[in-house]
Amino acid sequence: MQTYIIIYNGSAGKTDNEKLAQQAKQFLESNGKTVTLCKTTSEDDAISKAAAAVANYDCLVTIGGDGSINTACSGFLKAGKTIPLGIIPGGTVNNFARALSIPLNTDDAIKNLLTGKPAEVDLGTVGNTPMISSLTLGRLADIARNIKDDEKKRFGKAIYLVKGFKELFTNRSYKLRITANGKTKTLRSQILLITTTNSVGGYVEFNPEASYDDDHLHVFILKKFTLPKLFAYGSYFLSGNLKDNSDVMYFKCKTLKIENLSSRKIQARIDGDPATKLPITVETKANFFKRYYTKPLR
């Protein structure tokens, strides 16, 4: 590859991105590559520039967490084609980077833009919206919605535990109609989680069955979310066996339709950010594009 474009958020409060972009540019140019820096001012601006990049560059590099990667993929979907995507992790959790064994250390991640091996990666979609890591509904989404950006920066992943503990004192459940694998089921759930990789919450052994290229969505439906159940879930979660818990429904599929039968509206969160309200249809696009990682995952 000869031509790279580095797209990064240039808004106020994102000054580190400018420094990282310049560092990556210097490294790539010292290795004979042609590099263009592209500062963006909004999500729509970033999507448009990512879409335009596929016709003019050999590789797009993004700086940030799952949300930034999601934005780049929105541009790919808008363009109708892709180019290899390089990632310099800069988020709080970095699920997708972890799943692909991309170094979290900045210097190593920049070197990985040249030394990493290409991997064909599946992409989840909800209409024209990409889902590169996870989709949540219910109380898990409620927890994330109540966390502010400055809290994530200040406390890191620990803030999710604090907010999650407070959520235990509510008792909300959601009535859903689920259609997948040719079957339809009506049920009540407190948490619904869909993943496309083995990493959730920064823990890469969450679901050993899942990988970024297995062509499937992995669906977890938790019927109850109480303090006693939390300890049980934690044990199963850390052992990579959450799907074996009796209060968890787990299945794989390529297409999933979710309808809301509750009286209140339910909004999904995709890759940590607010997304569309139900009903939704989630699909997987096998081998949608290439990304870079440093070592085989299996």
C-alpha atoms as a PDB file:
ATOM      1  CA  MET A   1       0.000   0.000   0.000  1.00  0.00           C
ATOM      2  CA  GLN A   2       1.254   3.462  -0.882  1.00  0.00           C
ATOM      3  CA  THR A   3      -1.432   6.016   0.010  1.00  0.00           C
ATOM      4  CA  TYR A   4      -2.958   6.437   3.478  1.00  0.00           C
ATOM      5  CA  ILE A   5      -5.566   8.822   4.798  1.00  0.00           C
ATOM      6  CA  ILE A   6      -5.805   9.406   8.547  1.00  0.00           C
ATOM      7  CA  ILE A   7      -9.244  10.637   9.568  1.00  0.00           C
ATOM      8  CA  TYR A   8      -9.567  11.995  13.076  1.00  0.00           C
ATOM      9  CA  ASN A   9     -11.884  14.109  15.211  1.00  0.00           C
ATOM     10  CA  GLY A  10     -10.522  17.645  15.279  1.00  0.00           C
ATOM     11  CA  SER A  11     -13.207  19.103  17.551  1.00  0.00           C
ATOM     12  CA  ALA A  12     -12.396  20.972  20.731  1.00  0.00           C
ATOM     13  CA  GLY A  13     -11.301  18.618  23.496  1.00  0.00           C
ATOM     14  CA  LYS A  14      -9.766  16.176  21.022  1.00  0.00           C
ATOM     15  CA  THR A  15      -6.269  17.691  20.889  1.00  0.00           C
ATOM     16  CA  ASP A  16      -4.603  14.313  21.505  1.00  0.00           C
ATOM     17  CA  ASN A  17      -5.970  13.103  18.177  1.00  0.00           C
ATOM     18  CA  GLU A  18      -4.051  15.803  16.321  1.00  0.00           C
ATOM     19  CA  LYS A  19      -0.820  14.715  18.019  1.00  0.00           C
ATOM     20  CA  LEU A  20      -1.447  11.026  17.288  1.00  0.00           C
ATOM     21  CA  ALA A  21      -2.304  11.762  13.660  1.00  0.00           C
ATOM     22  CA  GLN A  22       0.947  13.685  13.200  1.00  0.00           C
ATOM     23  CA  GLN A  23       2.918  10.882  14.867  1.00  0.00           C
ATOM     24  CA  ALA A  24       1.366   8.261  12.590  1.00  0.00           C
ATOM     25  CA  LYS A  25       1.959  10.424   9.526  1.00  0.00           C
ATOM     26  CA  GLN A  26       5.632  10.852  10.375  1.00  0.00           C
ATOM     27  CA  PHE A  27       6.090   7.102  10.887  1.00  0.00           C
ATOM     28  CA  LEU A  28       4.343   6.116   7.666  1.00  0.00           C
ATOM     29  CA  GLU A  29       6.161   8.715   5.580  1.00  0.00           C
ATOM     30  CA  SER A  30       9.494   7.595   7.017  1.00  0.00           C
ATOM     31  CA  ASN A  31       8.643   4.189   5.556  1.00  0.00           C
ATOM     32  CA  GLY A  32       7.930   5.509   2.081  1.00  0.00           C
ATOM     33  CA  LYS A  33       4.158   5.970   2.274  1.00  0.00           C
ATOM     34  CA  THR A  34       2.127   8.949   1.129  1.00  0.00           C
ATOM     35  CA  VAL A  35      -0.109  10.242   3.912  1.00  0.00           C
ATOM     36  CA  THR A  36      -2.985  12.720   4.025  1.00  0.00           C
ATOM     37  CA  LEU A  37      -4.332  14.025   7.341  1.00  0.00           C
ATOM     38  CA  CYS A  38      -8.046  14.733   7.431  1.00  0.00           C
ATOM     39  CA  LYS A  39      -9.493  16.595  10.407  1.00  0.00           C
ATOM     40  CA  THR A  40     -13.261  16.292  10.882  1.00  0.00           C
ATOM     41  CA  THR A  41     -15.678  18.549  12.721  1.00  0.00           C
ATOM     42  CA  SER A  42     -18.721  16.287  13.120  1.00  0.00           C
ATOM     43  CA  GLU A  43     -19.869  12.703  12.707  1.00  0.00           C
ATOM     44  CA  ASP A  44     -21.551  13.508   9.378  1.00  0.00           C
ATOM     45  CA  ASP A  45     -18.353  15.149   8.166  1.00  0.00           C
ATOM     46  CA  ALA A  46     -16.330  12.062   9.137  1.00  0.00           C
ATOM     47  CA  ILE A  47     -18.782   9.727   7.375  1.00  0.00           C
ATOM     48  CA  SER A  48     -18.649  11.779   4.176  1.00  0.00           C
ATOM     49  CA  LYS A  49     -14.857  11.892   4.178  1.00  0.00           C
ATOM     50  CA  ALA A  50     -14.586   8.158   4.840  1.00  0.00           C
ATOM     51  CA  ALA A  51     -16.968   7.479   1.952  1.00  0.00           C
ATOM     52  CA  ALA A  52     -14.919   9.673  -0.382  1.00  0.00           C
ATOM     53  CA  ALA A  53     -11.649   8.074   0.720  1.00  0.00           C
ATOM     54  CA  VAL A  54     -12.392   4.641  -0.768  1.00  0.00           C
ATOM     55  CA  ALA A  55     -11.939   5.967  -4.310  1.00  0.00           C
ATOM     56  CA  ASN A  56      -8.668   7.777  -3.647  1.00  0.00           C
ATOM     57  CA  TYR A  57      -6.614   5.907  -1.045  1.00  0.00           C
ATOM     58  CA  ASP A  58      -5.257   2.442  -0.351  1.00  0.00           C
ATOM     59  CA  CYS A  59      -5.902   2.504   3.403  1.00  0.00           C
ATOM     60  CA  LEU A  60      -7.990   4.525   5.856  1.00  0.00           C
ATOM     61  CA  VAL A  61      -6.699   4.976   9.413  1.00  0.00           C
ATOM     62  CA  THR A  62      -9.023   5.937  12.257  1.00  0.00           C
ATOM     63  CA  ILE A  63      -8.106   7.130  15.759  1.00  0.00           C
ATOM     64  CA  GLY A  64     -10.424   6.301  18.658  1.00  0.00           C
ATOM     65  CA  GLY A  65     -12.648   3.589  20.089  1.00  0.00           C
ATOM     66  CA  ASP A  66     -15.496   1.501  18.738  1.00  0.00           C
ATOM     67  CA  GLY A  67     -17.547   4.623  17.981  1.00  0.00           C
ATOM     68  CA  SER A  68     -14.834   6.030  15.703  1.00  0.00           C
ATOM     69  CA  ILE A  69     -14.493   2.713  13.887  1.00  0.00           C
ATOM     70  CA  ASN A  70     -18.264   2.603  13.503  1.00  0.00           C
ATOM     71  CA  THR A  71     -18.188   6.045  11.875  1.00  0.00           C
ATOM     72  CA  ALA A  72     -15.571   4.907   9.356  1.00  0.00           C
ATOM     73  CA  CYS A  73     -17.717   1.876   8.525  1.00  0.00           C
ATOM     74  CA  SER A  74     -20.712   4.162   8.000  1.00  0.00           C
ATOM     75  CA  GLY A  75     -18.662   5.819   5.283  1.00  0.00           C
ATOM     76  CA  PHE A  76     -17.860   2.451   3.724  1.00  0.00           C
ATOM     77  CA  LEU A  77     -21.545   1.523   3.673  1.00  0.00           C
ATOM     78  CA  LYS A  78     -22.379   4.879   2.121  1.00  0.00           C
ATOM     79  CA  ALA A  79     -19.759   4.326  -0.593  1.00  0.00           C
ATOM     80  CA  GLY A  80     -20.835   0.729  -1.200  1.00  0.00           C
ATOM     81  CA  LYS A  81     -17.277  -0.588  -0.994  1.00  0.00           C
ATOM     82  CA  THR A  82     -14.326  -0.687   1.379  1.00  0.00           C
ATOM     83  CA  ILE A  83     -10.587  -0.293   1.673  1.00  0.00           C
ATOM     84  CA  PRO A  84      -8.415  -1.784   4.442  1.00  0.00           C
ATOM     85  CA  LEU A  85      -8.906  -0.012   7.747  1.00  0.00           C
ATOM     86  CA  GLY A  86      -6.071   0.730  10.159  1.00  0.00           C
ATOM     87  CA  ILE A  87      -6.906   1.388  13.809  1.00  0.00           C
ATOM     88  CA  ILE A  88      -5.100   3.446  16.439  1.00  0.00           C
ATOM     89  CA  PRO A  89      -7.098   2.659  19.605  1.00  0.00           C
ATOM     90  CA  GLY A  90      -8.091   5.646  21.699  1.00  0.00           C
ATOM     91  CA  GLY A  91     -11.386   4.716  23.355  1.00  0.00           C
ATOM     92  CA  THR A  92     -12.283   3.720  26.896  1.00  0.00           C
ATOM     93  CA  VAL A  93     -12.870   0.001  26.220  1.00  0.00           C
ATOM     94  CA  ASN A  94     -11.685  -0.662  22.629  1.00  0.00           C
ATOM     95  CA  ASN A  95     -13.604  -3.917  22.227  1.00  0.00           C
ATOM     96  CA  PHE A  96     -12.916  -4.287  18.544  1.00  0.00           C
ATOM     97  CA  ALA A  97      -9.213  -3.553  18.761  1.00  0.00           C
ATOM     98  CA  ARG A  98      -8.918  -6.143  21.529  1.00  0.00           C
ATOM     99  CA  ALA A  99     -10.808  -8.739  19.507  1.00  0.00           C
ATOM    100  CA  LEU A 100      -8.357  -8.307  16.610  1.00  0.00           C
ATOM    101  CA  SER A 101      -5.273  -8.213  18.876  1.00  0.00           C
ATOM    102  CA  ILE A 102      -4.462  -4.674  17.769  1.00  0.00           C
ATOM    103  CA  PRO A 103      -1.987  -3.159  20.251  1.00  0.00           C
ATOM    104  CA  LEU A 104      -3.527  -0.708  22.698  1.00  0.00           C
ATOM    105  CA  ASN A 105      -0.186   1.041  23.151  1.00  0.00           C
ATOM    106  CA  THR A 106      -0.086   3.996  20.764  1.00  0.00           C
ATOM    107  CA  ASP A 107       3.462   3.478  19.472  1.00  0.00           C
ATOM    108  CA  ASP A 108       2.835  -0.224  18.832  1.00  0.00           C
ATOM    109  CA  ALA A 109      -0.521   0.480  17.168  1.00  0.00           C
ATOM    110  CA  ILE A 110       1.118   2.920  14.757  1.00  0.00           C
ATOM    111  CA  LYS A 111       3.832   0.385  13.894  1.00  0.00           C
ATOM    112  CA  ASN A 112       1.093  -2.181  13.402  1.00  0.00           C
ATOM    113  CA  LEU A 113      -0.224  -0.120  10.473  1.00  0.00           C
ATOM    114  CA  LEU A 114       2.699  -1.582   8.511  1.00  0.00           C
ATOM    115  CA  THR A 115       3.493  -4.843  10.304  1.00  0.00           C
ATOM    116  CA  GLY A 116      -0.055  -6.102  10.946  1.00  0.00           C
ATOM    117  CA  LYS A 117      -1.580  -8.774   8.771  1.00  0.00           C
ATOM    118  CA  PRO A 118      -4.858  -8.170   6.909  1.00  0.00           C
ATOM    119  CA  ALA A 119      -7.949  -9.996   8.162  1.00  0.00           C
ATOM    120  CA  GLU A 120     -11.357 -10.281   6.530  1.00  0.00           C
ATOM    121  CA  VAL A 121     -13.931  -9.072   9.037  1.00  0.00           C
ATOM    122  CA  ASP A 122     -17.706  -9.420   9.284  1.00  0.00           C
ATOM    123  CA  LEU A 123     -19.873  -6.378   9.839  1.00  0.00           C
ATOM    124  CA  GLY A 124     -23.200  -6.231  11.621  1.00  0.00           C
ATOM    125  CA  THR A 125     -25.760  -3.754  10.290  1.00  0.00           C
ATOM    126  CA  VAL A 126     -29.072  -2.243  11.348  1.00  0.00           C
ATOM    127  CA  GLY A 127     -30.352  -0.801   8.103  1.00  0.00           C
ATOM    128  CA  ASN A 128     -27.634   1.602   6.965  1.00  0.00           C
ATOM    129  CA  THR A 129     -26.074   1.749  10.431  1.00  0.00           C
ATOM    130  CA  PRO A 130     -22.998  -0.439  11.052  1.00  0.00           C
ATOM    131  CA  MET A 131     -22.481  -2.491  14.220  1.00  0.00           C
ATOM    132  CA  ILE A 132     -18.830  -3.394  14.592  1.00  0.00           C
ATOM    133  CA  SER A 133     -18.889  -4.733  18.130  1.00  0.00           C
ATOM    134  CA  SER A 134     -22.172  -4.823  20.037  1.00  0.00           C
ATOM    135  CA  LEU A 135     -25.813  -3.831  20.270  1.00  0.00           C
ATOM    136  CA  THR A 136     -27.618  -3.585  23.604  1.00  0.00           C
ATOM    137  CA  LEU A 137     -31.229  -3.229  24.656  1.00  0.00           C
ATOM    138  CA  GLY A 138     -32.902  -2.979  28.031  1.00  0.00           C
ATOM    139  CA  ARG A 139     -31.213  -2.296  31.328  1.00  0.00           C
ATOM    140  CA  LEU A 140     -27.691  -2.630  29.937  1.00  0.00           C
ATOM    141  CA  ALA A 141     -28.524   0.159  27.501  1.00  0.00           C
ATOM    142  CA  ASP A 142     -30.126   2.126  30.353  1.00  0.00           C
ATOM    143  CA  ILE A 143     -26.843   1.916  32.276  1.00  0.00           C
ATOM    144  CA  ALA A 144     -24.812   3.168  29.317  1.00  0.00           C
ATOM    145  CA  ARG A 145     -27.293   5.964  28.626  1.00  0.00           C
ATOM    146  CA  ASN A 146     -26.777   7.318  32.149  1.00  0.00           C
ATOM    147  CA  ILE A 147     -22.985   7.545  31.779  1.00  0.00           C
ATOM    148  CA  LYS A 148     -21.615  10.885  30.620  1.00  0.00           C
ATOM    149  CA  ASP A 149     -18.539  11.242  28.421  1.00  0.00           C
ATOM    150  CA  ASP A 150     -16.613  13.093  31.125  1.00  0.00           C
ATOM    151  CA  GLU A 151     -17.375  10.250  33.575  1.00  0.00           C
ATOM    152  CA  LYS A 152     -15.931   7.704  31.148  1.00  0.00           C
ATOM    153  CA  LYS A 153     -12.781   9.780  30.742  1.00  0.00           C
ATOM    154  CA  ARG A 154     -12.409  10.297  34.470  1.00  0.00           C
ATOM    155  CA  PHE A 155     -13.225   6.829  35.818  1.00  0.00           C
ATOM    156  CA  GLY A 156     -12.722   4.511  32.821  1.00  0.00           C
ATOM    157  CA  LYS A 157     -14.468   1.126  32.841  1.00  0.00           C
ATOM    158  CA  ALA A 158     -15.144   1.362  36.588  1.00  0.00           C
ATOM    159  CA  ILE A 159     -17.993   3.801  35.976  1.00  0.00           C
ATOM    160  CA  TYR A 160     -19.974   1.019  34.293  1.00  0.00           C
ATOM    161  CA  LEU A 161     -19.825  -1.019  37.506  1.00  0.00           C
ATOM    162  CA  VAL A 162     -20.994   1.918  39.622  1.00  0.00           C
ATOM    163  CA  LYS A 163     -23.915   2.761  37.355  1.00  0.00           C
ATOM    164  CA  GLY A 164     -24.740  -0.913  36.955  1.00  0.00           C
ATOM    165  CA  PHE A 165     -25.004  -1.391  40.709  1.00  0.00           C
ATOM    166  CA  LYS A 166     -27.470   1.499  40.947  1.00  0.00           C
ATOM    167  CA  GLU A 167     -29.541  -0.055  38.162  1.00  0.00           C
ATOM    168  CA  LEU A 168     -29.983  -3.212  40.269  1.00  0.00           C
ATOM    169  CA  PHE A 169     -32.504  -1.364  42.429  1.00  0.00           C
ATOM    170  CA  THR A 170     -34.958  -1.010  39.560  1.00  0.00           C
ATOM    171  CA  ASN A 171     -37.038  -3.856  38.176  1.00  0.00           C
ATOM    172  CA  ARG A 172     -37.739  -2.978  34.571  1.00  0.00           C
ATOM    173  CA  SER A 173     -38.355  -5.686  32.019  1.00  0.00           C
ATOM    174  CA  TYR A 174     -39.222  -5.421  28.344  1.00  0.00           C
ATOM    175  CA  LYS A 175     -41.667  -7.484  26.310  1.00  0.00           C
ATOM    176  CA  LEU A 176     -40.151  -8.369  22.945  1.00  0.00           C
ATOM    177  CA  ARG A 177     -40.953 -10.387  19.846  1.00  0.00           C
ATOM    178  CA  ILE A 178     -37.812 -12.051  18.484  1.00  0.00           C
ATOM    179  CA  THR A 179     -37.557 -13.593  15.011  1.00  0.00           C
ATOM    180  CA  ALA A 180     -34.419 -15.544  14.023  1.00  0.00           C
ATOM    181  CA  ASN A 181     -33.489 -18.782  12.279  1.00  0.00           C
ATOM    182  CA  GLY A 182     -37.038 -19.151  10.939  1.00  0.00           C
ATOM    183  CA  LYS A 183     -38.675 -19.010  14.401  1.00  0.00           C
ATOM    184  CA  THR A 184     -40.582 -16.301  16.295  1.00  0.00           C
ATOM    185  CA  LYS A 185     -40.759 -16.080  20.082  1.00  0.00           C
ATOM    186  CA  THR A 186     -42.422 -13.609  22.457  1.00  0.00           C
ATOM    187  CA  LEU A 187     -40.629 -13.098  25.775  1.00  0.00           C
ATOM    188  CA  ARG A 188     -39.807 -10.739  28.606  1.00  0.00           C
ATOM    189  CA  SER A 189     -36.191  -9.685  29.015  1.00  0.00           C
ATOM    190  CA  GLN A 190     -34.253  -7.247  31.147  1.00  0.00           C
ATOM    191  CA  ILE A 191     -31.134  -7.271  28.971  1.00  0.00           C
ATOM    192  CA  LEU A 192     -30.532  -8.181  25.333  1.00  0.00           C
ATOM    193  CA  LEU A 193     -26.978  -8.186  23.983  1.00  0.00           C
ATOM    194  CA  ILE A 194     -25.805  -8.881  20.432  1.00  0.00           C
ATOM    195  CA  THR A 195     -22.085  -9.218  19.685  1.00  0.00           C
ATOM    196  CA  THR A 196     -20.012  -9.784  16.567  1.00  0.00           C
ATOM    197  CA  THR A 197     -16.752 -10.672  18.349  1.00  0.00           C
ATOM    198  CA  ASN A 198     -15.500 -12.411  21.483  1.00  0.00           C
ATOM    199  CA  SER A 199     -14.874  -9.137  23.351  1.00  0.00           C
ATOM    200  CA  VAL A 200     -17.404  -7.393  25.603  1.00  0.00           C
ATOM    201  CA  GLY A 201     -16.528  -4.706  28.111  1.00  0.00           C
ATOM    202  CA  GLY A 202     -12.870  -5.141  27.209  1.00  0.00           C
ATOM    203  CA  TYR A 203     -12.903  -8.818  28.221  1.00  0.00           C
ATOM    204  CA  VAL A 204     -11.783 -10.928  25.264  1.00  0.00           C
ATOM    205  CA  GLU A 205     -12.809 -14.315  26.668  1.00  0.00           C
ATOM    206  CA  PHE A 206     -16.474 -13.353  26.996  1.00  0.00           C
ATOM    207  CA  ASN A 207     -17.597 -15.843  24.343  1.00  0.00           C
ATOM    208  CA  PRO A 208     -14.912 -18.199  23.010  1.00  0.00           C
ATOM    209  CA  GLU A 209     -17.295 -19.405  20.280  1.00  0.00           C
ATOM    210  CA  ALA A 210     -17.418 -15.974  18.665  1.00  0.00           C
ATOM    211  CA  SER A 211     -14.886 -14.454  16.307  1.00  0.00           C
ATOM    212  CA  TYR A 212     -14.795 -11.478  13.966  1.00  0.00           C
ATOM    213  CA  ASP A 213     -15.088 -13.721  10.880  1.00  0.00           C
ATOM    214  CA  ASP A 214     -17.584 -16.454  11.833  1.00  0.00           C
ATOM    215  CA  ASP A 215     -20.450 -14.933   9.770  1.00  0.00           C
ATOM    216  CA  HIS A 216     -22.864 -14.873  12.744  1.00  0.00           C
ATOM    217  CA  LEU A 217     -24.486 -12.608  15.301  1.00  0.00           C
ATOM    218  CA  HIS A 218     -24.257 -13.893  18.882  1.00  0.00           C
ATOM    219  CA  VAL A 219     -27.375 -13.120  20.901  1.00  0.00           C
ATOM    220  CA  PHE A 220     -27.691 -13.173  24.719  1.00  0.00           C
ATOM    221  CA  ILE A 221     -31.040 -12.564  26.416  1.00  0.00           C
ATOM    222  CA  LEU A 222     -30.905 -12.171  30.206  1.00  0.00           C
ATOM    223  CA  LYS A 223     -34.248 -12.762  31.860  1.00  0.00           C
ATOM    224  CA  LYS A 224     -33.355 -11.324  35.267  1.00  0.00           C
ATOM    225  CA  PHE A 225     -30.878  -8.708  36.493  1.00  0.00           C
ATOM    226  CA  THR A 226     -30.836  -8.664  40.302  1.00  0.00           C
ATOM    227  CA  LEU A 227     -28.038  -8.532  42.867  1.00  0.00           C
ATOM    228  CA  PRO A 228     -27.954 -12.330  43.457  1.00  0.00           C
ATOM    229  CA  LYS A 229     -28.097 -12.959  39.714  1.00  0.00           C
ATOM    230  CA  LEU A 230     -25.309 -10.443  39.130  1.00  0.00           C
ATOM    231  CA  PHE A 231     -22.826 -12.564  41.072  1.00  0.00           C
ATOM    232  CA  ALA A 232     -23.871 -15.665  39.145  1.00  0.00           C
ATOM    233  CA  TYR A 233     -23.618 -13.841  35.826  1.00  0.00           C
ATOM    234  CA  GLY A 234     -20.181 -12.541  36.813  1.00  0.00           C
ATOM    235  CA  SER A 235     -18.884 -16.038  37.455  1.00  0.00           C
ATOM    236  CA  TYR A 236     -20.189 -17.346  34.135  1.00  0.00           C
ATOM    237  CA  PHE A 237     -19.004 -14.199  32.334  1.00  0.00           C
ATOM    238  CA  LEU A 238     -15.415 -14.496  33.548  1.00  0.00           C
ATOM    239  CA  SER A 239     -15.267 -18.186  32.639  1.00  0.00           C
ATOM    240  CA  GLY A 240     -16.563 -17.522  29.123  1.00  0.00           C
ATOM    241  CA  ASN A 241     -19.698 -19.577  29.790  1.00  0.00           C
ATOM    242  CA  LEU A 242     -22.447 -16.975  30.202  1.00  0.00           C
ATOM    243  CA  LYS A 243     -24.537 -18.814  27.628  1.00  0.00           C
ATOM    244  CA  ASP A 244     -24.676 -21.835  29.969  1.00  0.00           C
ATOM    245  CA  ASN A 245     -26.459 -19.929  32.751  1.00  0.00           C
ATOM    246  CA  SER A 246     -30.057 -21.119  33.174  1.00  0.00           C
ATOM    247  CA  ASP A 247     -31.362 -17.524  33.171  1.00  0.00           C
ATOM    248  CA  VAL A 248     -29.681 -16.726  29.859  1.00  0.00           C
ATOM    249  CA  MET A 249     -31.012 -17.538  26.404  1.00  0.00           C
ATOM    250  CA  TYR A 250     -28.218 -17.761  23.819  1.00  0.00           C
ATOM    251  CA  PHE A 251     -28.311 -18.427  20.086  1.00  0.00           C
ATOM    252  CA  LYS A 252     -26.481 -17.586  16.857  1.00  0.00           C
ATOM    253  CA  CYS A 253     -28.066 -16.248  13.696  1.00  0.00           C
ATOM    254  CA  LYS A 254     -27.359 -14.223  10.588  1.00  0.00           C
ATOM    255  CA  THR A 255     -30.510 -12.084  10.725  1.00  0.00           C
ATOM    256  CA  LEU A 256     -32.491 -11.023  13.795  1.00  0.00           C
ATOM    257  CA  LYS A 257     -35.711  -9.026  13.958  1.00  0.00           C
ATOM    258  CA  ILE A 258     -36.633  -7.429  17.304  1.00  0.00           C
ATOM    259  CA  GLU A 259     -40.061  -5.888  17.900  1.00  0.00           C
ATOM    260  CA  ASN A 260     -41.230  -3.930  20.937  1.00  0.00           C
ATOM    261  CA  LEU A 261     -44.410  -5.167  22.627  1.00  0.00           C
ATOM    262  CA  SER A 262     -43.963  -2.946  25.717  1.00  0.00           C
ATOM    263  CA  SER A 263     -45.921   0.242  26.327  1.00  0.00           C
ATOM    264  CA  ARG A 264     -42.760   2.390  26.528  1.00  0.00           C
ATOM    265  CA  LYS A 265     -40.317   3.021  23.703  1.00  0.00           C
ATOM    266  CA  ILE A 266     -37.084   1.041  23.627  1.00  0.00           C
ATOM    267  CA  GLN A 267     -33.937   2.516  22.097  1.00  0.00           C
ATOM    268  CA  ALA A 268     -30.970   0.406  21.074  1.00  0.00           C
ATOM    269  CA  ARG A 269     -27.338   1.344  21.661  1.00  0.00           C
ATOM    270  CA  ILE A 270     -24.827   0.368  18.998  1.00  0.00           C
ATOM    271  CA  ASP A 271     -21.114   0.288  19.840  1.00  0.00           C
ATOM    272  CA  GLY A 272     -21.844   2.346  22.946  1.00  0.00           C
ATOM    273  CA  ASP A 273     -23.773   5.144  21.223  1.00  0.00           C
ATOM    274  CA  PRO A 274     -27.547   5.800  21.057  1.00  0.00           C
ATOM    275  CA  ALA A 275     -29.184   4.322  17.972  1.00  0.00           C
ATOM    276  CA  THR A 276     -32.627   3.724  16.528  1.00  0.00           C
ATOM    277  CA  LYS A 277     -35.755   2.690  18.411  1.00  0.00           C
ATOM    278  CA  LEU A 278     -37.451  -0.684  17.929  1.00  0.00           C
ATOM    279  CA  PRO A 279     -38.479  -2.398  15.734  1.00  0.00           C
ATOM    280  CA  ILE A 280     -35.113  -3.208  14.177  1.00  0.00           C
ATOM    281  CA  THR A 281     -33.595  -5.895  11.983  1.00  0.00           C
ATOM    282  CA  VAL A 282     -29.952  -6.774  12.579  1.00  0.00           C
ATOM    283  CA  GLU A 283     -27.969  -8.539   9.860  1.00  0.00           C
ATOM    284  CA  THR A 284     -24.402  -9.665   9.340  1.00  0.00           C
ATOM    285  CA  LYS A 285     -22.363  -8.972   6.216  1.00  0.00           C
ATOM    286  CA  ALA A 286     -19.740 -11.700   5.944  1.00  0.00           C
ATOM    287  CA  ASN A 287     -16.149 -10.638   5.150  1.00  0.00           C
ATOM    288  CA  PHE A 288     -17.249  -7.058   4.590  1.00  0.00           C
ATOM    289  CA  PHE A 289     -13.783  -5.535   4.739  1.00  0.00           C
ATOM    290  CA  LYS A 290     -10.186  -5.929   5.881  1.00  0.00           C
ATOM    291  CA  ARG A 291      -8.547  -4.688   9.073  1.00  0.00           C
ATOM    292  CA  TYR A 292      -5.157  -5.201  10.617  1.00  0.00           C
ATOM    293  CA  TYR A 293      -4.087  -7.327  13.544  1.00  0.00           C
ATOM    294  CA  THR A 294      -0.725  -8.534  14.792  1.00  0.00           C
ATOM    295  CA  LYS A 295      -1.111 -12.207  15.543  1.00  0.00           C
ATOM    296  CA  PRO A 296      -3.455 -15.113  14.758  1.00  0.00           C
ATOM    297  CA  LEU A 297      -6.318 -15.410  17.209  1.00  0.00           C
ATOM    298  CA  ARG A 298      -6.556 -19.184  16.812  1.00  0.00           C
END
